[in-house]
Amino acid sequence: MAGQQDVENAIVSLIATASYPAGTVAASAIAGPDGMVTCRVYRGMPNAPALEADLARGVMHATVFAEPGGVRNVTRYPREWIEVAPVPATLSVSVAGMAATFAGQCAAGQLAGIAVDGAIFPYAVQARDTPASVASNLAALLRAAGWLVNYAGTTLSVPAAHGLIARVVAGGVALREIKRQVQPFRISLWCPDPLTRDAATAVIDPALAAPQFIGLADGAAARLRFVGTETTDRSIDAGLYRRDLIYDAEYPTTEAMTTPAMLFGVGGIAADGAFIAGMTG
């Protein structure tokens, strides 16, 4: 069932993929006055001391959060079950020990996932993704849950885990829309100088404007529409140059029928600490 957090995660993934097309182990695509700029991308507002410290070091932040009080109910479609057409899986993943490596071609409609000691972390693959960006986005989900993750290129590893399983699936699923909403989201670019702000906008804004629809984790899609932009350039924020991009996202809340291609089934922890997964599909 898609929610506000799923849309925010999808927008964060778009920004991260545009900023780091080769993954976060490579340089970003944002050029500053002294070279390519490190960009931290996440949901929510920045922590002020951490932001100030990063700006002083030439590091920018890109944040995504929903505008308060801006949700509009646009429910208008009948409650009918609609089958989401299956897409052949062109992305693959291999596991060696506590490490997962992604390869192949990315396409919308695929679902990549990591199961670590019974905790499942799914990621809806986007058309603009690469194996490196899929690994990078899954690493971010794991770190947000408190796991120590080593990430390099198309490989991520969780050294403290007892068991790790990774899968990519592209099966059919039937969804029924039970309500629909339009919600504005503010994407804020917190930059250390005007050149970085302009360069970041030139990379991130087209990445948000290009796709009419972005895939969500439940198989539904959100429609993005540019609403406006705001620039903050005040003397009281001498070390901060900020630009806000505001996009509306129209997305459904759905119910899903059982999918024939299951990412992970059920599992447990054996007496010796090994992870046992009883998976199907």
Protein backbone atom coordinates (compact mmCIF):
# COMPACT_ATOMS: atom_id res chain seq x y z
CA MET A 1 0.00 0.00 0.00
CA ALA A 2 1.68 3.20 -1.19
CA GLY A 3 1.99 6.08 1.24
CA GLN A 4 3.75 9.40 1.60
CA GLN A 5 6.97 7.67 2.65
CA ASP A 6 6.99 5.58 -0.55
CA VAL A 7 6.75 8.68 -2.72
CA GLU A 8 9.50 10.38 -0.73
CA ASN A 9 11.72 7.30 -1.10
CA ALA A 10 11.08 7.20 -4.85
CA ILE A 11 12.00 10.90 -5.20
CA VAL A 12 15.13 10.39 -3.08
CA SER A 13 16.11 7.52 -5.38
CA LEU A 14 15.63 9.69 -8.48
CA ILE A 15 17.84 12.40 -7.02
CA ALA A 16 20.50 9.94 -5.85
CA THR A 17 20.62 8.24 -9.25
CA ALA A 18 20.92 11.56 -11.07
CA SER A 19 23.59 12.83 -8.67
CA TYR A 20 25.55 9.57 -8.67
CA PRO A 21 24.84 7.76 -11.98
CA ALA A 22 27.73 5.36 -11.33
CA GLY A 23 26.87 4.89 -7.63
CA THR A 24 28.17 6.70 -4.59
CA VAL A 25 31.63 5.16 -4.81
CA ALA A 26 32.24 7.33 -7.89
CA ALA A 27 32.29 11.13 -8.10
CA SER A 28 28.97 12.93 -8.28
CA ALA A 29 27.66 14.60 -11.44
CA ILE A 30 27.48 18.00 -9.68
CA ALA A 31 30.38 20.33 -10.44
CA GLY A 32 31.43 22.92 -7.86
CA PRO A 33 34.17 25.57 -7.95
CA ASP A 34 36.78 23.04 -6.76
CA GLY A 35 35.61 19.91 -8.57
CA MET A 36 32.76 17.44 -8.20
CA VAL A 37 30.66 18.02 -5.08
CA THR A 38 29.59 15.46 -2.49
CA CYS A 39 25.79 15.43 -2.19
CA ARG A 40 23.89 13.92 0.75
CA VAL A 41 20.33 12.92 -0.26
CA TYR A 42 17.67 11.99 2.30
CA ARG A 43 14.11 12.48 3.52
CA GLY A 44 13.25 15.17 6.06
CA MET A 45 14.93 18.37 7.18
CA PRO A 46 18.68 18.63 7.82
CA ASN A 47 20.25 18.77 11.24
CA ALA A 48 21.52 22.36 11.54
CA PRO A 49 24.98 21.68 13.07
CA ALA A 50 25.68 18.84 10.62
CA LEU A 51 24.53 20.97 7.69
CA GLU A 52 26.71 23.91 8.72
CA ALA A 53 29.74 21.65 9.10
CA ASP A 54 29.17 20.09 5.68
CA LEU A 55 28.62 23.45 3.96
CA ALA A 56 31.90 24.69 5.40
CA ARG A 57 33.61 21.66 3.78
CA GLY A 58 31.92 22.19 0.42
CA VAL A 59 29.37 19.37 0.86
CA MET A 60 25.76 19.98 -0.20
CA HIS A 61 22.51 18.38 1.00
CA ALA A 62 19.39 17.51 -0.99
CA THR A 63 16.31 16.90 1.17
CA VAL A 64 12.80 15.72 0.37
CA PHE A 65 9.78 16.36 2.55
CA ALA A 66 6.04 16.78 2.11
CA GLU A 67 4.56 20.25 2.34
CA PRO A 68 2.34 20.44 5.44
CA GLY A 69 -1.39 20.72 4.88
CA GLY A 70 -1.18 20.40 1.11
CA VAL A 71 -2.91 17.05 0.52
CA ARG A 72 -5.93 17.08 -1.80
CA ASN A 73 -8.37 14.20 -2.21
CA VAL A 74 -8.73 13.40 -5.93
CA THR A 75 -10.33 9.95 -5.64
CA ARG A 76 -12.27 9.35 -8.85
CA TYR A 77 -11.70 5.84 -10.19
CA PRO A 78 -13.91 2.78 -9.51
CA ARG A 79 -12.60 0.15 -7.13
CA GLU A 80 -11.62 -2.49 -9.65
CA TRP A 81 -8.81 -5.02 -9.56
CA ILE A 82 -6.26 -4.28 -12.27
CA GLU A 83 -3.47 -6.68 -13.15
CA VAL A 84 -0.05 -5.11 -13.40
CA ALA A 85 1.62 -6.67 -16.44
CA PRO A 86 4.71 -8.72 -15.54
CA VAL A 87 8.06 -7.50 -16.84
CA PRO A 88 10.87 -9.99 -17.53
CA ALA A 89 13.64 -9.59 -14.97
CA THR A 90 16.70 -8.14 -16.70
CA LEU A 91 18.48 -7.22 -13.48
CA SER A 92 20.23 -10.00 -11.56
CA VAL A 93 21.94 -10.37 -8.20
CA SER A 94 24.46 -12.85 -6.83
CA VAL A 95 25.35 -13.46 -3.19
CA ALA A 96 28.70 -14.47 -1.72
CA GLY A 97 28.73 -14.68 2.05
CA MET A 98 27.31 -11.43 3.43
CA ALA A 99 27.76 -9.57 0.12
CA ALA A 100 25.31 -9.03 -2.77
CA THR A 101 26.38 -7.95 -6.27
CA PHE A 102 23.94 -6.60 -8.88
CA ALA A 103 24.37 -6.90 -12.64
CA GLY A 104 22.39 -6.67 -15.87
CA GLN A 105 19.94 -4.06 -17.11
CA CYS A 106 17.49 -2.04 -15.03
CA ALA A 107 13.87 -1.48 -16.03
CA ALA A 108 10.80 -0.19 -14.27
CA GLY A 109 8.54 -2.92 -12.91
CA GLN A 110 11.28 -4.95 -11.28
CA LEU A 111 11.69 -5.28 -7.52
CA ALA A 112 15.09 -5.78 -5.89
CA GLY A 113 15.40 -6.75 -2.26
CA ILE A 114 17.77 -7.68 0.54
CA ALA A 115 16.81 -9.86 3.52
CA VAL A 116 19.17 -9.45 6.48
CA ASP A 117 18.53 -11.67 9.51
CA GLY A 118 14.83 -11.79 8.68
CA ALA A 119 14.41 -8.03 8.04
CA ILE A 120 13.36 -7.32 4.45
CA PHE A 121 14.34 -4.22 2.46
CA PRO A 122 12.61 -3.91 -0.95
CA TYR A 123 13.45 -1.36 -3.63
CA ALA A 124 11.30 -0.58 -6.70
CA VAL A 125 13.70 -0.35 -9.65
CA GLN A 126 13.33 2.79 -11.78
CA ALA A 127 13.95 3.10 -15.52
CA ARG A 128 16.94 5.41 -14.93
CA ASP A 129 18.59 3.05 -12.44
CA THR A 130 21.84 1.18 -12.94
CA PRO A 131 23.08 -1.89 -11.00
CA ALA A 132 25.32 0.50 -9.04
CA SER A 133 22.44 2.83 -8.12
CA VAL A 134 20.25 -0.13 -7.08
CA ALA A 135 23.02 -1.31 -4.75
CA SER A 136 23.49 2.24 -3.48
CA ASN A 137 19.77 2.76 -2.76
CA LEU A 138 19.48 -0.58 -0.95
CA ALA A 139 22.58 0.28 1.08
CA ALA A 140 20.88 3.54 2.10
CA LEU A 141 17.75 1.65 3.25
CA LEU A 142 19.87 -0.73 5.33
CA ARG A 143 21.85 2.11 6.91
CA ALA A 144 18.63 3.95 7.76
CA ALA A 145 17.58 0.83 9.70
CA GLY A 146 20.83 0.89 11.68
CA TRP A 147 22.92 -1.69 9.80
CA LEU A 148 26.62 -1.16 9.11
CA VAL A 149 26.94 -1.51 5.33
CA ASN A 150 30.04 -1.64 3.15
CA TYR A 151 29.29 -0.49 -0.39
CA ALA A 152 31.48 -0.38 -3.50
CA GLY A 153 30.33 -0.17 -7.11
CA THR A 154 27.56 -2.73 -7.64
CA THR A 155 28.27 -4.65 -4.42
CA LEU A 156 27.05 -4.12 -0.87
CA SER A 157 27.88 -6.19 2.18
CA VAL A 158 26.58 -6.36 5.74
CA PRO A 159 29.48 -7.81 7.76
CA ALA A 160 27.58 -8.03 11.06
CA ALA A 161 24.69 -10.05 9.62
CA HIS A 162 24.16 -13.74 10.38
CA GLY A 163 22.51 -14.31 7.02
CA LEU A 164 21.91 -12.30 3.85
CA ILE A 165 19.68 -13.13 0.91
CA ALA A 166 19.19 -10.95 -2.19
CA ARG A 167 16.66 -11.32 -4.98
CA VAL A 168 15.29 -9.57 -8.05
CA VAL A 169 11.76 -10.42 -9.20
CA ALA A 170 9.40 -9.16 -11.87
CA GLY A 171 6.13 -10.95 -11.39
CA GLY A 172 2.52 -10.00 -11.96
CA VAL A 173 0.37 -8.40 -9.31
CA ALA A 174 -3.19 -7.12 -9.14
CA LEU A 175 -3.94 -3.79 -7.48
CA ARG A 176 -7.18 -2.15 -6.42
CA GLU A 177 -7.15 1.59 -5.86
CA ILE A 178 -9.10 2.60 -2.75
CA LYS A 179 -8.26 6.32 -2.73
CA ARG A 180 -6.10 8.84 -4.56
CA GLN A 181 -4.39 12.02 -3.42
CA VAL A 182 -2.26 14.88 -4.71
CA GLN A 183 0.47 16.04 -2.36
CA PRO A 184 3.16 18.69 -2.87
CA PHE A 185 6.76 17.74 -2.06
CA ARG A 186 9.59 20.20 -1.51
CA ILE A 187 13.03 19.21 -2.73
CA SER A 188 15.55 21.55 -1.08
CA LEU A 189 19.11 21.94 -2.33
CA TRP A 190 21.34 23.26 0.47
CA CYS A 191 24.56 24.43 -1.17
CA PRO A 192 27.81 26.09 -0.04
CA ASP A 193 28.03 28.52 -2.99
CA PRO A 194 25.97 29.83 -5.93
CA LEU A 195 27.90 27.80 -8.53
CA THR A 196 27.12 24.53 -6.75
CA ARG A 197 23.48 25.54 -6.38
CA ASP A 198 23.18 26.21 -10.12
CA ALA A 199 24.98 22.98 -11.03
CA ALA A 200 22.88 20.89 -8.62
CA THR A 201 19.66 22.37 -10.00
CA ALA A 202 20.79 21.61 -13.56
CA VAL A 203 21.31 17.94 -12.63
CA ILE A 204 18.40 17.30 -10.25
CA ASP A 205 15.52 19.33 -11.71
CA PRO A 206 15.58 17.59 -15.14
CA ALA A 207 15.77 14.20 -13.41
CA LEU A 208 12.51 15.01 -11.60
CA ALA A 209 10.81 16.63 -14.59
CA ALA A 210 11.68 13.96 -17.18
CA PRO A 211 9.57 11.00 -15.95
CA GLN A 212 5.82 11.51 -15.99
CA PHE A 213 5.42 8.61 -13.59
CA ILE A 214 7.70 7.07 -10.98
CA GLY A 215 7.32 3.51 -9.72
CA LEU A 216 6.42 2.83 -6.09
CA ALA A 217 7.28 -0.21 -4.00
CA ASP A 218 3.77 -1.72 -4.22
CA GLY A 219 3.75 -1.71 -8.04
CA ALA A 220 1.65 1.46 -8.37
CA ALA A 221 2.96 4.71 -9.82
CA ALA A 222 2.98 8.37 -8.83
CA ARG A 223 2.63 11.18 -11.37
CA LEU A 224 5.10 14.02 -10.81
CA ARG A 225 4.27 17.57 -11.91
CA PHE A 226 6.48 20.63 -11.48
CA VAL A 227 4.78 23.37 -9.45
CA GLY A 228 7.41 26.01 -8.79
CA THR A 229 10.78 26.97 -7.41
CA GLU A 230 12.08 29.27 -4.68
CA THR A 231 15.56 30.69 -4.10
CA THR A 232 16.90 31.65 -0.67
CA ASP A 233 19.88 34.02 -0.74
CA ARG A 234 19.88 36.09 2.45
CA SER A 235 22.75 37.78 4.21
CA ILE A 236 21.90 36.06 7.51
CA ASP A 237 22.70 32.76 5.79
CA ALA A 238 26.05 33.84 4.41
CA GLY A 239 27.32 30.28 4.05
CA LEU A 240 24.09 28.86 2.60
CA TYR A 241 22.73 29.10 -0.92
CA ARG A 242 19.43 27.25 -1.21
CA ARG A 243 17.01 26.44 -3.99
CA ASP A 244 13.70 24.66 -3.49
CA LEU A 245 11.99 22.66 -6.22
CA ILE A 246 8.31 21.98 -5.58
CA TYR A 247 6.60 19.04 -7.27
CA ASP A 248 3.09 17.69 -6.93
CA ALA A 249 2.78 13.92 -6.74
CA GLU A 250 -0.54 12.29 -7.54
CA TYR A 251 -0.53 8.75 -6.21
CA PRO A 252 -3.02 6.07 -5.19
CA THR A 253 -3.49 4.15 -2.00
CA THR A 254 -3.97 0.56 -3.11
CA GLU A 255 -4.80 -2.93 -1.97
CA ALA A 256 -2.79 -5.74 -3.53
CA MET A 257 -3.74 -9.30 -4.32
CA THR A 258 -1.27 -12.14 -3.80
CA THR A 259 1.53 -11.89 -6.34
CA PRO A 260 2.81 -15.07 -8.02
CA ALA A 261 6.40 -13.82 -7.95
CA MET A 262 7.30 -13.42 -4.29
CA LEU A 263 10.42 -11.48 -3.37
CA PHE A 264 10.87 -13.22 0.01
CA GLY A 265 8.80 -15.67 1.95
CA VAL A 266 9.07 -16.41 5.64
CA GLY A 267 12.20 -17.26 7.58
CA GLY A 268 13.80 -17.52 10.96
CA ILE A 269 17.04 -17.76 12.92
CA ALA A 270 18.45 -21.21 13.70
CA ALA A 271 19.99 -22.12 17.04
CA ASP A 272 23.50 -21.51 15.70
CA GLY A 273 22.54 -18.01 14.54
CA ALA A 274 22.25 -18.89 10.84
CA PHE A 275 19.40 -17.31 8.89
CA ILE A 276 16.93 -19.80 7.41
CA ALA A 277 14.57 -18.57 4.68
CA GLY A 278 11.64 -20.57 3.40
CA MET A 279 11.10 -18.71 0.14
CA THR A 280 8.89 -19.34 -2.85
CA GLY A 281 8.82 -17.97 -6.38
